[in-house]
Amino acid sequence: MNKTILIFLILITIFSCKTEESTEIIVIGTLHKPESNFNSEILFNILEDVQPDFILEELDSSFFTSDFRHKNVSNSNERMASEKYIENYPTAKLRPYEFEGRNEYRINIGSRPTDGLTTKLIDSLNKVDLLSDTEAKIHNKYKALLEPLIVLASKSPKNFNNPSTDSICSERQYYQYNMLTRITNKRDEFATRFHTKPNGEKISYRDGYQLASDFWDLRNQTMAKNIMRISEQNQGKKIVVLCGFMHRYYILSELRKLTEGKNIIIKEFYE
């Protein structure tokens, strides 16, 4: 009896020591178009160092074949680097994680092109001093926040993949989608100018811009949920997420909430 109990206790100890391998998520902020400081070869070298099992791209399923190969040729850094990585490491897999039908959705609801038309109108009002002091301060801050990001984006990838840059991106996007609405929701110019949607309905710049603001949250939250779904389906794998670096702060923030209490580690590519 004592021997049986001893064996049973040993087996319990052995099995309790066997822990499930952690899933790793590495979110890499990118520049979509080739630049001297960041191009497909630089990104490929990063991927080769990280050695991911999965590469998740900021694309929806319409860009992929049924076996998750790219349908069309593209000169984007992400597409070229991931293609090369898959060619060299054929066991690795590509997956989309973008909000499905992103561009069509924005056009259909009227948030595009009213988002761009609205920011152009704010800019023109500011240039001729028609904004109030408070409104001008908001718009000037919004524009100023882009300057350090342009500088950082001209440096090595680590410079736009770190908490400090994420913080600037977060503040800049907050100004774009939350602070600028304090101008658009107050001034009549944005309620009396309209865009016609594909279905023939008219939408004001004010309403269209609010929809663009709402979609920024919806899109990033949806992308984070898609990343989580793929990660949970592939326990113990190393997963690289490629995203425009202005999205990185939001995706990481959502992933930290979604991975709480789970056997998932979020890392930087240079760790």
Protein backbone atom coordinates (compact mmCIF):
# COMPACT_ATOMS: atom_id res chain seq x y z
CA MET A 1 0.00 0.00 0.00
CA ASN A 2 2.80 2.39 0.96
CA LYS A 3 4.60 1.60 -2.30
CA THR A 4 1.43 2.31 -4.29
CA ILE A 5 0.94 5.63 -2.53
CA LEU A 6 4.58 6.56 -3.14
CA ILE A 7 4.28 5.81 -6.87
CA PHE A 8 1.06 7.79 -7.03
CA LEU A 9 2.69 10.80 -5.35
CA ILE A 10 5.68 10.61 -7.72
CA LEU A 11 3.37 10.57 -10.75
CA ILE A 12 1.47 13.58 -9.43
CA THR A 13 4.76 15.45 -8.96
CA ILE A 14 5.93 14.59 -12.48
CA PHE A 15 2.70 15.70 -14.12
CA SER A 16 2.46 18.86 -12.03
CA CYS A 17 5.95 19.84 -13.17
CA LYS A 18 4.95 19.56 -16.80
CA THR A 19 3.87 23.05 -17.72
CA GLU A 20 2.31 23.97 -21.01
CA GLU A 21 4.70 25.88 -23.23
CA SER A 22 3.97 29.60 -23.38
CA THR A 23 2.71 31.29 -26.52
CA GLU A 24 4.79 34.31 -27.52
CA ILE A 25 3.34 37.35 -29.29
CA ILE A 26 5.76 39.85 -30.80
CA VAL A 27 4.11 43.01 -32.17
CA ILE A 28 6.36 44.74 -34.72
CA GLY A 29 5.43 48.25 -35.77
CA THR A 30 6.31 48.85 -39.40
CA LEU A 31 6.50 51.37 -42.20
CA HIS A 32 4.42 50.03 -45.07
CA LYS A 33 6.54 51.46 -47.88
CA PRO A 34 10.30 50.91 -48.33
CA GLU A 35 12.61 53.50 -46.81
CA SER A 36 16.37 53.45 -46.33
CA ASN A 37 15.95 52.82 -42.60
CA PHE A 38 13.16 50.26 -42.99
CA ASN A 39 12.60 48.05 -46.00
CA SER A 40 11.65 44.46 -46.72
CA GLU A 41 15.22 43.21 -46.28
CA ILE A 42 15.53 44.83 -42.86
CA LEU A 43 12.18 43.37 -41.85
CA PHE A 44 13.15 39.94 -43.20
CA ASN A 45 16.31 40.02 -41.08
CA ILE A 46 14.19 40.81 -38.01
CA LEU A 47 11.89 37.90 -38.82
CA GLU A 48 14.85 35.61 -39.31
CA ASP A 49 16.19 36.59 -35.89
CA VAL A 50 12.81 36.07 -34.19
CA GLN A 51 11.98 32.81 -36.05
CA PRO A 52 8.16 33.01 -35.80
CA ASP A 53 5.85 30.07 -36.40
CA PHE A 54 3.12 32.47 -37.56
CA ILE A 55 3.26 35.88 -39.22
CA LEU A 56 0.05 37.89 -38.86
CA GLU A 57 -0.44 40.67 -41.40
CA GLU A 58 -2.56 43.83 -41.34
CA LEU A 59 -4.73 42.47 -44.15
CA ASP A 60 -8.13 40.81 -44.28
CA SER A 61 -8.92 37.39 -45.72
CA SER A 62 -9.69 38.78 -49.19
CA PHE A 63 -5.95 39.24 -49.77
CA PHE A 64 -5.26 35.52 -49.27
CA THR A 65 -5.96 32.29 -51.06
CA SER A 66 -7.70 29.44 -49.26
CA ASP A 67 -4.29 28.08 -48.19
CA PHE A 68 -3.19 31.50 -46.88
CA ARG A 69 -0.89 32.57 -49.68
CA HIS A 70 -0.96 36.13 -50.96
CA LYS A 71 -3.24 36.55 -53.96
CA ASN A 72 -1.44 39.54 -55.46
CA VAL A 73 2.07 40.91 -55.71
CA SER A 74 2.80 43.97 -53.58
CA ASN A 75 5.85 46.08 -52.85
CA SER A 76 4.88 46.64 -49.22
CA ASN A 77 7.60 45.83 -46.71
CA GLU A 78 5.39 43.37 -44.86
CA ARG A 79 4.29 41.44 -47.92
CA MET A 80 7.77 41.12 -49.43
CA ALA A 81 9.48 40.22 -46.15
CA SER A 82 6.86 37.65 -45.14
CA GLU A 83 6.91 36.04 -48.59
CA LYS A 84 10.68 35.69 -48.39
CA TYR A 85 10.47 34.29 -44.88
CA ILE A 86 7.90 31.67 -45.90
CA GLU A 87 10.05 30.67 -48.86
CA ASN A 88 13.04 30.16 -46.57
CA TYR A 89 11.05 28.63 -43.69
CA PRO A 90 8.17 26.74 -45.33
CA THR A 91 6.74 25.41 -42.05
CA ALA A 92 5.90 28.97 -40.98
CA LYS A 93 2.39 30.20 -41.71
CA LEU A 94 0.77 33.49 -42.76
CA ARG A 95 -2.55 34.69 -41.37
CA PRO A 96 -4.71 37.82 -41.79
CA TYR A 97 -6.01 39.69 -38.74
CA GLU A 98 -7.44 42.92 -40.17
CA PHE A 99 -11.04 44.10 -39.74
CA GLU A 100 -12.86 42.37 -42.62
CA GLY A 101 -13.76 44.70 -45.47
CA ARG A 102 -12.18 47.69 -43.75
CA ASN A 103 -12.07 50.06 -46.72
CA GLU A 104 -15.53 49.16 -48.05
CA TYR A 105 -16.98 49.52 -44.56
CA ARG A 106 -15.57 53.02 -44.12
CA ILE A 107 -16.76 54.14 -47.53
CA ASN A 108 -20.24 52.68 -47.03
CA ILE A 109 -20.83 54.27 -43.62
CA GLY A 110 -19.45 57.60 -44.86
CA SER A 111 -16.49 57.94 -42.51
CA ARG A 112 -14.31 58.05 -45.61
CA PRO A 113 -13.66 60.50 -47.23
CA THR A 114 -15.33 62.73 -44.62
CA ASP A 115 -12.42 62.08 -42.22
CA GLY A 116 -9.91 63.61 -44.63
CA LEU A 117 -12.28 66.36 -45.73
CA THR A 118 -12.86 67.30 -42.10
CA THR A 119 -9.19 67.58 -41.15
CA LYS A 120 -8.53 69.66 -44.28
CA LEU A 121 -11.35 72.02 -43.31
CA ILE A 122 -10.04 72.38 -39.76
CA ASP A 123 -6.60 73.15 -41.16
CA SER A 124 -7.96 75.79 -43.55
CA LEU A 125 -9.97 77.45 -40.76
CA ASN A 126 -6.89 77.59 -38.57
CA LYS A 127 -4.76 79.10 -41.32
CA VAL A 128 -7.13 82.07 -41.69
CA ASP A 129 -7.51 82.46 -37.90
CA LEU A 130 -11.18 81.49 -37.77
CA LEU A 131 -10.76 79.00 -34.95
CA SER A 132 -11.15 80.12 -31.36
CA ASP A 133 -8.03 80.19 -29.20
CA THR A 134 -9.04 76.89 -27.59
CA GLU A 135 -9.76 75.26 -30.96
CA ALA A 136 -6.50 76.52 -32.47
CA LYS A 137 -4.58 75.17 -29.48
CA ILE A 138 -6.12 71.73 -30.01
CA HIS A 139 -5.35 71.71 -33.74
CA ASN A 140 -1.80 73.00 -33.29
CA LYS A 141 -1.10 70.33 -30.68
CA TYR A 142 -2.50 67.66 -33.02
CA LYS A 143 -0.12 68.78 -35.78
CA ALA A 144 2.86 69.16 -33.44
CA LEU A 145 2.53 65.61 -32.15
CA LEU A 146 3.28 64.26 -35.61
CA GLU A 147 6.72 65.91 -35.78
CA PRO A 148 8.59 63.67 -33.29
CA LEU A 149 6.98 60.61 -34.89
CA ILE A 150 8.34 61.60 -38.31
CA VAL A 151 11.81 61.84 -36.78
CA LEU A 152 11.51 58.51 -34.97
CA ALA A 153 10.18 56.80 -38.11
CA SER A 154 13.33 57.85 -39.95
CA LYS A 155 15.56 55.94 -37.53
CA SER A 156 16.14 52.25 -36.87
CA PRO A 157 13.09 50.01 -36.17
CA LYS A 158 13.79 49.91 -32.44
CA ASN A 159 13.16 53.67 -32.34
CA PHE A 160 9.52 53.24 -33.37
CA ASN A 161 9.03 49.98 -31.47
CA ASN A 162 9.27 50.96 -27.83
CA PRO A 163 7.01 52.24 -25.02
CA SER A 164 8.16 55.85 -25.43
CA THR A 165 7.13 56.03 -29.08
CA ASP A 166 3.93 54.12 -28.30
CA SER A 167 3.07 56.85 -25.79
CA ILE A 168 3.50 59.60 -28.41
CA CYS A 169 1.40 57.64 -30.89
CA SER A 170 -1.31 57.20 -28.28
CA GLU A 171 -1.46 60.93 -27.53
CA ARG A 172 -1.41 61.86 -31.22
CA GLN A 173 -4.28 59.52 -32.06
CA TYR A 174 -6.18 60.74 -29.01
CA TYR A 175 -5.96 64.25 -30.38
CA GLN A 176 -7.00 63.08 -33.84
CA TYR A 177 -10.04 61.09 -32.81
CA ASN A 178 -11.12 62.67 -29.51
CA MET A 179 -9.86 66.23 -29.31
CA LEU A 180 -10.60 67.29 -32.89
CA THR A 181 -14.23 66.32 -32.36
CA ARG A 182 -14.42 69.17 -29.83
CA ILE A 183 -14.00 71.40 -32.87
CA THR A 184 -16.23 69.49 -35.28
CA ASN A 185 -19.06 69.03 -32.77
CA LYS A 186 -19.17 72.73 -31.95
CA ARG A 187 -18.74 74.56 -35.26
CA ASP A 188 -21.54 74.88 -37.81
CA GLU A 189 -19.16 74.45 -40.78
CA PHE A 190 -19.02 70.73 -40.05
CA ALA A 191 -22.78 70.32 -39.71
CA THR A 192 -23.58 72.13 -42.97
CA ARG A 193 -21.10 70.46 -45.30
CA PHE A 194 -22.05 67.05 -46.67
CA HIS A 195 -20.68 64.03 -48.51
CA THR A 196 -22.89 61.66 -50.49
CA LYS A 197 -22.44 57.99 -49.57
CA PRO A 198 -22.57 55.18 -52.19
CA ASN A 199 -26.23 54.53 -51.33
CA GLY A 200 -27.13 58.14 -52.16
CA GLU A 201 -27.61 59.29 -48.58
CA LYS A 202 -25.90 62.47 -47.42
CA ILE A 203 -23.76 62.60 -44.31
CA SER A 204 -22.37 65.72 -42.66
CA TYR A 205 -18.66 66.14 -42.05
CA ARG A 206 -19.48 66.20 -38.33
CA ASP A 207 -21.26 62.84 -38.36
CA GLY A 208 -18.77 61.28 -40.76
CA TYR A 209 -15.83 62.30 -38.61
CA GLN A 210 -17.49 60.91 -35.49
CA LEU A 211 -17.93 57.60 -37.30
CA ALA A 212 -14.23 57.68 -38.22
CA SER A 213 -13.38 58.23 -34.57
CA ASP A 214 -15.59 55.33 -33.51
CA PHE A 215 -14.08 53.10 -36.19
CA TRP A 216 -10.54 53.73 -34.94
CA ASP A 217 -11.55 52.02 -31.70
CA LEU A 218 -13.60 49.30 -33.37
CA ARG A 219 -10.87 48.43 -35.86
CA ASN A 220 -8.04 48.17 -33.34
CA GLN A 221 -10.15 46.25 -30.85
CA THR A 222 -11.24 43.83 -33.58
CA MET A 223 -7.65 43.30 -34.72
CA ALA A 224 -6.56 42.53 -31.17
CA LYS A 225 -9.39 40.00 -30.78
CA ASN A 226 -8.40 38.35 -34.07
CA ILE A 227 -4.79 38.12 -32.90
CA MET A 228 -5.96 36.52 -29.67
CA ARG A 229 -8.15 34.01 -31.49
CA ILE A 230 -5.23 32.88 -33.65
CA SER A 231 -2.90 32.78 -30.65
CA GLU A 232 -5.27 30.64 -28.59
CA GLN A 233 -5.68 28.26 -31.50
CA ASN A 234 -1.90 27.79 -31.66
CA GLN A 235 -0.76 27.29 -28.10
CA GLY A 236 2.99 27.32 -27.56
CA LYS A 237 3.79 28.97 -30.88
CA LYS A 238 5.76 32.13 -31.58
CA ILE A 239 3.54 34.66 -33.32
CA VAL A 240 4.72 37.86 -34.99
CA VAL A 241 2.15 40.59 -35.60
CA LEU A 242 3.06 43.14 -38.28
CA CYS A 243 1.23 46.45 -38.03
CA GLY A 244 1.70 50.06 -39.02
CA PHE A 245 3.55 51.49 -36.04
CA MET A 246 0.76 53.98 -35.27
CA HIS A 247 -1.46 51.00 -34.39
CA ARG A 248 1.08 49.35 -32.10
CA TYR A 249 0.17 51.15 -28.88
CA TYR A 250 -3.52 50.30 -29.22
CA ILE A 251 -3.00 46.66 -30.19
CA LEU A 252 -0.54 46.13 -27.33
CA SER A 253 -2.89 47.78 -24.85
CA GLU A 254 -5.75 45.51 -25.91
CA LEU A 255 -3.57 42.40 -25.94
CA ARG A 256 -2.33 43.06 -22.41
CA LYS A 257 -5.95 43.05 -21.23
CA LEU A 258 -6.94 40.01 -23.29
CA THR A 259 -3.91 37.92 -22.25
CA GLU A 260 -4.28 38.56 -18.53
CA GLY A 261 -4.23 35.25 -16.69
CA LYS A 262 -3.33 33.31 -19.85
CA ASN A 263 -0.13 31.48 -20.72
CA ILE A 264 0.82 34.10 -23.30
CA ILE A 265 3.93 36.29 -23.23
CA ILE A 266 4.11 39.61 -25.08
CA LYS A 267 7.66 40.47 -26.14
CA GLU A 268 9.64 42.94 -28.24
CA PHE A 269 11.49 41.67 -31.30
CA TYR A 270 14.81 42.83 -29.81
CA GLU A 271 14.41 41.07 -26.45
